[in-house]
Amino acid sequence: MLGLIGKKIGMTQVFDANGKLTPVTVIKIEDNVVVENRTVEKHGYSSCVLGSFDKKKSQTTKPYAGQFEGVCAPKKTLVEMRDFDKEAAVGEVMGVNMFKDVMFVDVVGTSKGKGFQGGMKRHGFAGGRATHGSKFHRDIGGTAMSSSPSKTFKGKKMAGRMGNERVTVQNLRVIRVDEEMQVLLVKGAIPGPAQSVVIVQKAKKK
């Protein structure tokens, strides 16, 4: 699996050679440093640990900083990429140019948290009639059974906390790779607010 750590900058739009307008999300990919290589012989599986975004020395504990000793400055974000497709030595720095030959990517991020929400917003329920006297406008309706067992089963769609979950958007087309600015432009929207950390991977289903 080929992937890098990035940061969602926001959305914009670009024109292609034919004048067609395409909405894109701008992903900033700063230098990704290979912190560790995990092998089948030692760890039981193969993976590559990448680090990105420098961490302040005043906010770094000695145990945390120890894993970066002799490799690079401590990094805020560490991500383990299983079965990394590229041969990478510890200390090697990778950038956005790794995606120059990739047509589609999968983007993993954390969705925006929306707090405690009702069933209509959280699950898209239709609700009841909005007419006068219906007394059933935004309720979720019955939640349990009338006969045995008379209880509400776990997982029932009800009101609750919405958002702030790990979300993967698949098969986003790569519109442009700007190596000078270290940004990746992908068609469409990705989860999370601006300045949030995302993981960009080569599309699994393409």
C-alpha atoms as a PDB file:
ATOM      1  CA  MET A   1       0.000   0.000   0.000  1.00  0.00           C
ATOM      2  CA  LEU A   2       1.441   3.326  -1.117  1.00  0.00           C
ATOM      3  CA  GLY A   3       0.475   6.312   1.046  1.00  0.00           C
ATOM      4  CA  LEU A   4       1.557   9.568   2.681  1.00  0.00           C
ATOM      5  CA  ILE A   5       0.454  11.865   5.500  1.00  0.00           C
ATOM      6  CA  GLY A   6      -1.048  15.172   4.402  1.00  0.00           C
ATOM      7  CA  LYS A   7      -3.070  18.137   5.608  1.00  0.00           C
ATOM      8  CA  LYS A   8      -6.375  19.322   4.158  1.00  0.00           C
ATOM      9  CA  ILE A   9      -6.003  22.983   3.172  1.00  0.00           C
ATOM     10  CA  GLY A  10      -9.463  23.566   1.718  1.00  0.00           C
ATOM     11  CA  MET A  11     -11.366  23.520  -1.566  1.00  0.00           C
ATOM     12  CA  THR A  12     -10.980  25.492  -4.776  1.00  0.00           C
ATOM     13  CA  GLN A  13     -11.655  25.009  -8.470  1.00  0.00           C
ATOM     14  CA  VAL A  14      -9.427  24.599 -11.510  1.00  0.00           C
ATOM     15  CA  PHE A  15      -9.895  24.738 -15.275  1.00  0.00           C
ATOM     16  CA  ASP A  16      -8.554  22.057 -17.597  1.00  0.00           C
ATOM     17  CA  ALA A  17      -7.192  22.523 -21.114  1.00  0.00           C
ATOM     18  CA  ASN A  18     -10.742  22.453 -22.553  1.00  0.00           C
ATOM     19  CA  GLY A  19     -12.021  25.100 -20.138  1.00  0.00           C
ATOM     20  CA  LYS A  20     -13.971  22.630 -18.005  1.00  0.00           C
ATOM     21  CA  LEU A  21     -14.327  23.677 -14.352  1.00  0.00           C
ATOM     22  CA  THR A  22     -13.535  21.035 -11.715  1.00  0.00           C
ATOM     23  CA  PRO A  23     -14.017  21.422  -7.930  1.00  0.00           C
ATOM     24  CA  VAL A  24     -10.931  20.140  -6.105  1.00  0.00           C
ATOM     25  CA  THR A  25      -9.617  19.701  -2.582  1.00  0.00           C
ATOM     26  CA  VAL A  26      -6.094  20.948  -1.896  1.00  0.00           C
ATOM     27  CA  ILE A  27      -3.980  18.563   0.200  1.00  0.00           C
ATOM     28  CA  LYS A  28      -0.619  19.818   1.458  1.00  0.00           C
ATOM     29  CA  ILE A  29       1.919  17.006   1.740  1.00  0.00           C
ATOM     30  CA  GLU A  30       4.943  18.079   3.744  1.00  0.00           C
ATOM     31  CA  ASP A  31       8.021  15.898   3.960  1.00  0.00           C
ATOM     32  CA  ASN A  32       7.202  12.380   5.176  1.00  0.00           C
ATOM     33  CA  VAL A  33      10.167  10.791   6.947  1.00  0.00           C
ATOM     34  CA  VAL A  34      10.588   7.020   7.278  1.00  0.00           C
ATOM     35  CA  VAL A  35      10.968   6.575  11.055  1.00  0.00           C
ATOM     36  CA  GLU A  36      11.036   2.767  11.160  1.00  0.00           C
ATOM     37  CA  ASN A  37      10.715  -0.310   8.958  1.00  0.00           C
ATOM     38  CA  ARG A  38       8.910  -3.260  10.559  1.00  0.00           C
ATOM     39  CA  THR A  39       9.677  -6.681   9.149  1.00  0.00           C
ATOM     40  CA  VAL A  40       8.019 -10.095   9.166  1.00  0.00           C
ATOM     41  CA  GLU A  41      11.028 -11.669  10.902  1.00  0.00           C
ATOM     42  CA  LYS A  42      11.012  -9.250  13.842  1.00  0.00           C
ATOM     43  CA  HIS A  43       7.410  -8.021  14.146  1.00  0.00           C
ATOM     44  CA  GLY A  44       5.374 -10.656  12.323  1.00  0.00           C
ATOM     45  CA  TYR A  45       4.275  -8.325   9.538  1.00  0.00           C
ATOM     46  CA  SER A  46       5.722  -5.851   7.063  1.00  0.00           C
ATOM     47  CA  SER A  47       5.111  -2.111   7.360  1.00  0.00           C
ATOM     48  CA  CYS A  48       6.670   1.323   7.106  1.00  0.00           C
ATOM     49  CA  VAL A  49       6.226   3.948   9.858  1.00  0.00           C
ATOM     50  CA  LEU A  50       6.022   7.484   8.493  1.00  0.00           C
ATOM     51  CA  GLY A  51       6.246  10.730  10.454  1.00  0.00           C
ATOM     52  CA  SER A  52       5.273  14.244   9.457  1.00  0.00           C
ATOM     53  CA  PHE A  53       4.840  17.764  10.899  1.00  0.00           C
ATOM     54  CA  ASP A  54       7.579  18.867  13.322  1.00  0.00           C
ATOM     55  CA  LYS A  55       6.736  18.776  17.024  1.00  0.00           C
ATOM     56  CA  LYS A  56       7.924  21.498  19.406  1.00  0.00           C
ATOM     57  CA  LYS A  57      10.772  20.433  21.664  1.00  0.00           C
ATOM     58  CA  SER A  58       9.008  21.937  24.699  1.00  0.00           C
ATOM     59  CA  GLN A  59       5.999  19.664  24.052  1.00  0.00           C
ATOM     60  CA  THR A  60       7.997  16.480  23.470  1.00  0.00           C
ATOM     61  CA  THR A  61       8.725  13.995  26.252  1.00  0.00           C
ATOM     62  CA  LYS A  62      12.002  12.063  26.292  1.00  0.00           C
ATOM     63  CA  PRO A  63      10.356   8.627  25.778  1.00  0.00           C
ATOM     64  CA  TYR A  64       8.446   9.935  22.732  1.00  0.00           C
ATOM     65  CA  ALA A  65      11.543  11.630  21.294  1.00  0.00           C
ATOM     66  CA  GLY A  66      13.600   8.449  21.707  1.00  0.00           C
ATOM     67  CA  GLN A  67      12.071   6.743  18.675  1.00  0.00           C
ATOM     68  CA  PHE A  68      13.314   9.569  16.432  1.00  0.00           C
ATOM     69  CA  GLU A  69      16.883   9.579  17.770  1.00  0.00           C
ATOM     70  CA  GLY A  70      19.406   9.460  14.946  1.00  0.00           C
ATOM     71  CA  VAL A  71      16.657   9.698  12.314  1.00  0.00           C
ATOM     72  CA  CYS A  72      14.993  13.125  12.388  1.00  0.00           C
ATOM     73  CA  ALA A  73      13.407  15.734  14.625  1.00  0.00           C
ATOM     74  CA  PRO A  74      10.323  14.529  16.583  1.00  0.00           C
ATOM     75  CA  LYS A  75       7.159  14.472  14.496  1.00  0.00           C
ATOM     76  CA  LYS A  76       3.571  15.179  15.548  1.00  0.00           C
ATOM     77  CA  THR A  77       1.895  12.539  13.394  1.00  0.00           C
ATOM     78  CA  LEU A  78       3.001   8.919  13.042  1.00  0.00           C
ATOM     79  CA  VAL A  79       1.247   6.529  10.668  1.00  0.00           C
ATOM     80  CA  GLU A  80       2.021   2.887   9.984  1.00  0.00           C
ATOM     81  CA  MET A  81       1.593   1.823   6.349  1.00  0.00           C
ATOM     82  CA  ARG A  82       1.163  -1.939   6.046  1.00  0.00           C
ATOM     83  CA  ASP A  83       2.838  -3.692   3.095  1.00  0.00           C
ATOM     84  CA  PHE A  84       4.398  -0.501   1.751  1.00  0.00           C
ATOM     85  CA  ASP A  85       4.843  -0.804  -2.040  1.00  0.00           C
ATOM     86  CA  LYS A  86       8.055   1.236  -2.158  1.00  0.00           C
ATOM     87  CA  GLU A  87      11.490   0.309  -0.857  1.00  0.00           C
ATOM     88  CA  ALA A  88      12.235   2.940   1.780  1.00  0.00           C
ATOM     89  CA  ALA A  89      15.255   3.243   4.066  1.00  0.00           C
ATOM     90  CA  VAL A  90      15.020   4.682   7.570  1.00  0.00           C
ATOM     91  CA  GLY A  91      15.554   8.431   7.380  1.00  0.00           C
ATOM     92  CA  GLU A  92      14.425   8.692   3.751  1.00  0.00           C
ATOM     93  CA  VAL A  93      12.202  11.696   2.979  1.00  0.00           C
ATOM     94  CA  MET A  94       9.227  11.285   0.639  1.00  0.00           C
ATOM     95  CA  GLY A  95       7.080  13.999  -0.902  1.00  0.00           C
ATOM     96  CA  VAL A  96       4.105  14.596  -3.152  1.00  0.00           C
ATOM     97  CA  ASN A  97       6.058  13.500  -6.255  1.00  0.00           C
ATOM     98  CA  MET A  98       5.320   9.908  -5.201  1.00  0.00           C
ATOM     99  CA  PHE A  99       1.809  10.412  -6.646  1.00  0.00           C
ATOM    100  CA  LYS A 100       2.873  11.835 -10.026  1.00  0.00           C
ATOM    101  CA  ASP A 101       2.014   8.569 -11.811  1.00  0.00           C
ATOM    102  CA  VAL A 102      -1.087   7.768  -9.721  1.00  0.00           C
ATOM    103  CA  MET A 103      -4.507   8.434 -11.282  1.00  0.00           C
ATOM    104  CA  PHE A 104      -6.813   7.692  -8.314  1.00  0.00           C
ATOM    105  CA  VAL A 105      -6.370   7.897  -4.532  1.00  0.00           C
ATOM    106  CA  ASP A 106      -8.230   6.977  -1.354  1.00  0.00           C
ATOM    107  CA  VAL A 107      -8.292   9.622   1.384  1.00  0.00           C
ATOM    108  CA  VAL A 108      -8.756   8.768   5.072  1.00  0.00           C
ATOM    109  CA  GLY A 109      -9.745  11.506   7.515  1.00  0.00           C
ATOM    110  CA  THR A 110     -11.807  12.297  10.607  1.00  0.00           C
ATOM    111  CA  SER A 111     -15.217  13.773   9.836  1.00  0.00           C
ATOM    112  CA  LYS A 112     -16.461  16.980  11.435  1.00  0.00           C
ATOM    113  CA  GLY A 113     -18.048  16.462  14.844  1.00  0.00           C
ATOM    114  CA  LYS A 114     -21.668  17.641  15.011  1.00  0.00           C
ATOM    115  CA  GLY A 115     -22.437  16.829  18.639  1.00  0.00           C
ATOM    116  CA  PHE A 116     -25.632  15.159  19.866  1.00  0.00           C
ATOM    117  CA  GLN A 117     -28.212  15.105  17.063  1.00  0.00           C
ATOM    118  CA  GLY A 118     -31.710  13.743  16.574  1.00  0.00           C
ATOM    119  CA  GLY A 119     -32.697  10.818  14.388  1.00  0.00           C
ATOM    120  CA  MET A 120     -33.773  12.906  11.395  1.00  0.00           C
ATOM    121  CA  LYS A 121     -30.432  14.657  10.999  1.00  0.00           C
ATOM    122  CA  ARG A 122     -28.271  11.718  12.096  1.00  0.00           C
ATOM    123  CA  HIS A 123     -29.911   8.978  10.014  1.00  0.00           C
ATOM    124  CA  GLY A 124     -31.997  10.871   7.451  1.00  0.00           C
ATOM    125  CA  PHE A 125     -35.408   9.813   8.808  1.00  0.00           C
ATOM    126  CA  ALA A 126     -38.395  11.410   7.086  1.00  0.00           C
ATOM    127  CA  GLY A 127     -40.313  12.144  10.299  1.00  0.00           C
ATOM    128  CA  GLY A 128     -44.051  12.489  10.454  1.00  0.00           C
ATOM    129  CA  ARG A 129     -46.502  14.748   8.649  1.00  0.00           C
ATOM    130  CA  ALA A 130     -45.715  18.432   9.027  1.00  0.00           C
ATOM    131  CA  THR A 131     -49.428  19.328   8.988  1.00  0.00           C
ATOM    132  CA  HIS A 132     -51.410  20.962  11.774  1.00  0.00           C
ATOM    133  CA  GLY A 133     -52.390  18.602  14.560  1.00  0.00           C
ATOM    134  CA  SER A 134     -50.227  15.633  13.550  1.00  0.00           C
ATOM    135  CA  LYS A 135     -48.255  15.667  16.867  1.00  0.00           C
ATOM    136  CA  PHE A 136     -45.530  13.691  15.090  1.00  0.00           C
ATOM    137  CA  HIS A 137     -43.087  15.979  13.304  1.00  0.00           C
ATOM    138  CA  ARG A 138     -39.456  15.087  14.092  1.00  0.00           C
ATOM    139  CA  ASP A 139     -39.853  12.026  16.317  1.00  0.00           C
ATOM    140  CA  ILE A 140     -38.123   8.762  15.432  1.00  0.00           C
ATOM    141  CA  GLY A 141     -41.141   6.563  16.142  1.00  0.00           C
ATOM    142  CA  GLY A 142     -41.137   3.231  17.966  1.00  0.00           C
ATOM    143  CA  THR A 143     -37.814   1.806  19.118  1.00  0.00           C
ATOM    144  CA  ALA A 144     -38.743  -1.475  20.842  1.00  0.00           C
ATOM    145  CA  MET A 145     -40.951  -4.528  20.257  1.00  0.00           C
ATOM    146  CA  SER A 146     -44.414  -4.938  21.725  1.00  0.00           C
ATOM    147  CA  SER A 147     -43.928  -8.659  22.386  1.00  0.00           C
ATOM    148  CA  SER A 148     -41.114 -10.636  24.023  1.00  0.00           C
ATOM    149  CA  PRO A 149     -38.346  -9.661  24.219  1.00  0.00           C
ATOM    150  CA  SER A 150     -39.716  -6.187  24.942  1.00  0.00           C
ATOM    151  CA  LYS A 151     -36.512  -4.226  24.684  1.00  0.00           C
ATOM    152  CA  THR A 152     -34.497  -1.967  22.398  1.00  0.00           C
ATOM    153  CA  PHE A 153     -31.724  -3.878  20.679  1.00  0.00           C
ATOM    154  CA  LYS A 154     -28.193  -2.526  20.566  1.00  0.00           C
ATOM    155  CA  GLY A 155     -27.446  -0.657  17.339  1.00  0.00           C
ATOM    156  CA  LYS A 156     -30.958   0.704  16.865  1.00  0.00           C
ATOM    157  CA  LYS A 157     -30.905   3.947  14.886  1.00  0.00           C
ATOM    158  CA  MET A 158     -31.708   6.639  17.420  1.00  0.00           C
ATOM    159  CA  ALA A 159     -30.520  10.079  18.476  1.00  0.00           C
ATOM    160  CA  GLY A 160     -26.868  10.268  19.521  1.00  0.00           C
ATOM    161  CA  ARG A 161     -23.444  11.700  18.872  1.00  0.00           C
ATOM    162  CA  MET A 162     -22.850  12.410  15.200  1.00  0.00           C
ATOM    163  CA  GLY A 163     -19.602  12.824  13.268  1.00  0.00           C
ATOM    164  CA  ASN A 164     -16.007  12.773  14.550  1.00  0.00           C
ATOM    165  CA  GLU A 165     -15.461   9.348  12.978  1.00  0.00           C
ATOM    166  CA  ARG A 166     -12.794   7.869  10.738  1.00  0.00           C
ATOM    167  CA  VAL A 167     -14.049   8.112   7.150  1.00  0.00           C
ATOM    168  CA  THR A 168     -12.483   6.839   3.926  1.00  0.00           C
ATOM    169  CA  VAL A 169     -13.426   8.356   0.556  1.00  0.00           C
ATOM    170  CA  GLN A 170     -12.386   6.073  -2.281  1.00  0.00           C
ATOM    171  CA  ASN A 171     -11.414   6.535  -5.929  1.00  0.00           C
ATOM    172  CA  LEU A 172     -10.852  10.297  -6.003  1.00  0.00           C
ATOM    173  CA  ARG A 173      -9.263  11.391  -9.280  1.00  0.00           C
ATOM    174  CA  VAL A 174      -5.910  13.168  -9.026  1.00  0.00           C
ATOM    175  CA  ILE A 175      -6.249  16.406 -11.008  1.00  0.00           C
ATOM    176  CA  ARG A 176      -2.806  17.888 -10.431  1.00  0.00           C
ATOM    177  CA  VAL A 177       0.442  17.216  -8.559  1.00  0.00           C
ATOM    178  CA  ASP A 178       2.365  20.414  -7.780  1.00  0.00           C
ATOM    179  CA  GLU A 179       5.864  19.415  -6.680  1.00  0.00           C
ATOM    180  CA  GLU A 180       6.971  23.022  -6.191  1.00  0.00           C
ATOM    181  CA  MET A 181       4.231  23.843  -3.662  1.00  0.00           C
ATOM    182  CA  GLN A 182       4.045  20.239  -2.382  1.00  0.00           C
ATOM    183  CA  VAL A 183       0.274  20.053  -2.877  1.00  0.00           C
ATOM    184  CA  LEU A 184      -2.048  17.445  -4.353  1.00  0.00           C
ATOM    185  CA  LEU A 185      -5.323  18.456  -6.037  1.00  0.00           C
ATOM    186  CA  VAL A 186      -8.023  15.765  -5.985  1.00  0.00           C
ATOM    187  CA  LYS A 187     -11.482  15.983  -7.500  1.00  0.00           C
ATOM    188  CA  GLY A 188     -14.297  16.275  -4.953  1.00  0.00           C
ATOM    189  CA  ALA A 189     -14.545  16.645  -1.186  1.00  0.00           C
ATOM    190  CA  ILE A 190     -12.760  14.785   1.595  1.00  0.00           C
ATOM    191  CA  PRO A 191     -13.749  14.401   5.267  1.00  0.00           C
ATOM    192  CA  GLY A 192     -12.732  16.759   8.053  1.00  0.00           C
ATOM    193  CA  PRO A 193     -12.305  20.514   8.549  1.00  0.00           C
ATOM    194  CA  ALA A 194      -9.539  22.617   7.033  1.00  0.00           C
ATOM    195  CA  GLN A 195      -6.072  22.051   8.534  1.00  0.00           C
ATOM    196  CA  SER A 196      -7.004  18.504   9.612  1.00  0.00           C
ATOM    197  CA  VAL A 197      -4.602  15.604   9.076  1.00  0.00           C
ATOM    198  CA  VAL A 198      -5.482  13.089   6.352  1.00  0.00           C
ATOM    199  CA  ILE A 199      -3.874   9.972   4.910  1.00  0.00           C
ATOM    200  CA  VAL A 200      -3.623   9.788   1.124  1.00  0.00           C
ATOM    201  CA  GLN A 201      -3.262   6.293  -0.330  1.00  0.00           C
ATOM    202  CA  LYS A 202      -3.123   4.826  -3.797  1.00  0.00           C
ATOM    203  CA  ALA A 203      -6.642   3.638  -4.645  1.00  0.00           C
ATOM    204  CA  LYS A 204      -7.185  -0.023  -3.778  1.00  0.00           C
ATOM    205  CA  LYS A 205     -10.016  -0.602  -6.244  1.00  0.00           C
ATOM    206  CA  LYS A 206      -8.446   0.975  -9.323  1.00  0.00           C
END
